[in-house]
Amino acid sequence: MDQPGAHVIEGATGQILANKFIVSKPFPHFCFGSSGIAAERSLSRVTGSVVINICVDGSVNEFRNGAFYHQYCGTRLAPDHMMLDV
């Protein structure tokens, strides 16, 4: 799951149905903010789906029914070594 794009997983069996899946045309009214947010919101509109976004900054967010649903953790970037007082 460390590759860009979506991984489509069948919830009942855990079988991976697609990986590195890219949403080429998100719903038009979701095209604000990043392209990733528009894609996540679009994919979460599929009946019965849950979209989990694991960001490069370490944050984990859930989307359902075309909207943000829950944040499991926020940004977890390591502090910049140049800013540490030694």
Protein backbone atom coordinates (compact mmCIF):
# COMPACT_ATOMS: atom_id res chain seq x y z
CA MET A 1 0.00 0.00 0.00
CA ASP A 2 2.98 2.32 -0.33
CA GLN A 3 2.20 3.02 -4.00
CA PRO A 4 0.26 6.04 -5.30
CA GLY A 5 -3.34 5.43 -6.28
CA ALA A 6 -6.19 3.52 -4.72
CA HIS A 7 -6.21 -0.10 -3.68
CA VAL A 8 -9.66 -1.63 -4.08
CA ILE A 9 -10.26 -4.34 -1.48
CA GLU A 10 -13.34 -6.57 -1.26
CA GLY A 11 -14.50 -6.13 2.33
CA ALA A 12 -15.93 -9.60 2.98
CA THR A 13 -12.90 -11.57 1.78
CA GLY A 14 -10.05 -9.04 1.92
CA GLN A 15 -9.16 -9.89 -1.69
CA ILE A 16 -7.37 -7.07 -3.53
CA LEU A 17 -9.40 -6.35 -6.66
CA ALA A 18 -7.24 -3.53 -8.05
CA ASN A 19 -4.11 -1.65 -7.04
CA LYS A 20 -2.64 1.68 -8.12
CA PHE A 21 -6.15 2.53 -9.35
CA ILE A 22 -6.43 6.17 -10.45
CA VAL A 23 -9.71 8.08 -10.64
CA SER A 24 -9.54 9.85 -13.98
CA LYS A 25 -12.82 11.80 -13.73
CA PRO A 26 -13.95 12.63 -10.19
CA PHE A 27 -17.48 13.97 -9.77
CA PRO A 28 -17.40 17.61 -10.99
CA HIS A 29 -18.73 19.14 -7.77
CA PHE A 30 -15.85 17.50 -5.81
CA CYS A 31 -13.13 19.25 -7.81
CA PHE A 32 -11.88 21.60 -5.13
CA GLY A 33 -8.82 21.13 -2.95
CA SER A 34 -6.39 18.43 -3.97
CA SER A 35 -7.04 15.89 -6.69
CA GLY A 36 -6.63 13.20 -4.05
CA ILE A 37 -9.47 14.59 -1.93
CA ALA A 38 -11.74 14.82 -5.00
CA ALA A 39 -10.94 11.19 -5.90
CA GLU A 40 -11.52 9.95 -2.34
CA ARG A 41 -14.84 11.73 -2.04
CA SER A 42 -15.90 10.41 -5.47
CA LEU A 43 -14.97 6.82 -4.69
CA SER A 44 -16.75 6.96 -1.33
CA ARG A 45 -20.05 7.64 -3.11
CA VAL A 46 -20.16 4.02 -4.30
CA THR A 47 -22.88 2.30 -2.25
CA GLY A 48 -21.41 0.40 0.69
CA SER A 49 -17.88 1.68 0.20
CA VAL A 50 -15.52 3.16 2.75
CA VAL A 51 -12.43 5.07 1.61
CA ILE A 52 -9.41 5.24 3.90
CA ASN A 53 -6.76 7.79 2.94
CA ILE A 54 -3.26 7.25 4.29
CA CYS A 55 -1.35 10.44 3.53
CA VAL A 56 2.37 10.75 3.03
CA ASP A 57 2.42 12.98 6.14
CA GLY A 58 1.11 10.09 8.26
CA SER A 59 -2.46 11.27 8.68
CA VAL A 60 -5.29 8.75 8.22
CA ASN A 61 -8.78 9.91 7.13
CA GLU A 62 -12.02 8.10 6.32
CA PHE A 63 -14.59 9.14 3.71
CA ARG A 64 -18.14 7.81 3.32
CA ASN A 65 -21.08 8.84 1.12
CA GLY A 66 -19.01 11.48 -0.69
CA ALA A 67 -17.88 13.30 2.46
CA PHE A 68 -15.20 13.32 5.12
CA TYR A 69 -16.25 10.98 7.92
CA HIS A 70 -13.48 10.63 10.51
CA GLN A 71 -9.80 11.37 11.12
CA TYR A 72 -7.91 8.59 12.91
CA CYS A 73 -4.66 10.50 13.34
CA GLY A 74 -3.27 13.81 12.18
CA THR A 75 0.05 14.74 10.65
CA ARG A 76 2.88 12.74 12.12
CA LEU A 77 5.91 14.18 10.38
CA ALA A 78 9.22 13.91 12.19
CA PRO A 79 10.55 17.27 13.36
CA ASP A 80 13.05 18.97 11.08
CA HIS A 81 16.54 18.17 12.43
CA MET A 82 17.61 21.73 11.69
CA MET A 83 15.05 23.08 14.17
CA LEU A 84 16.02 20.91 17.13
CA ASP A 85 17.85 22.52 20.01
CA VAL A 86 20.83 20.40 21.02
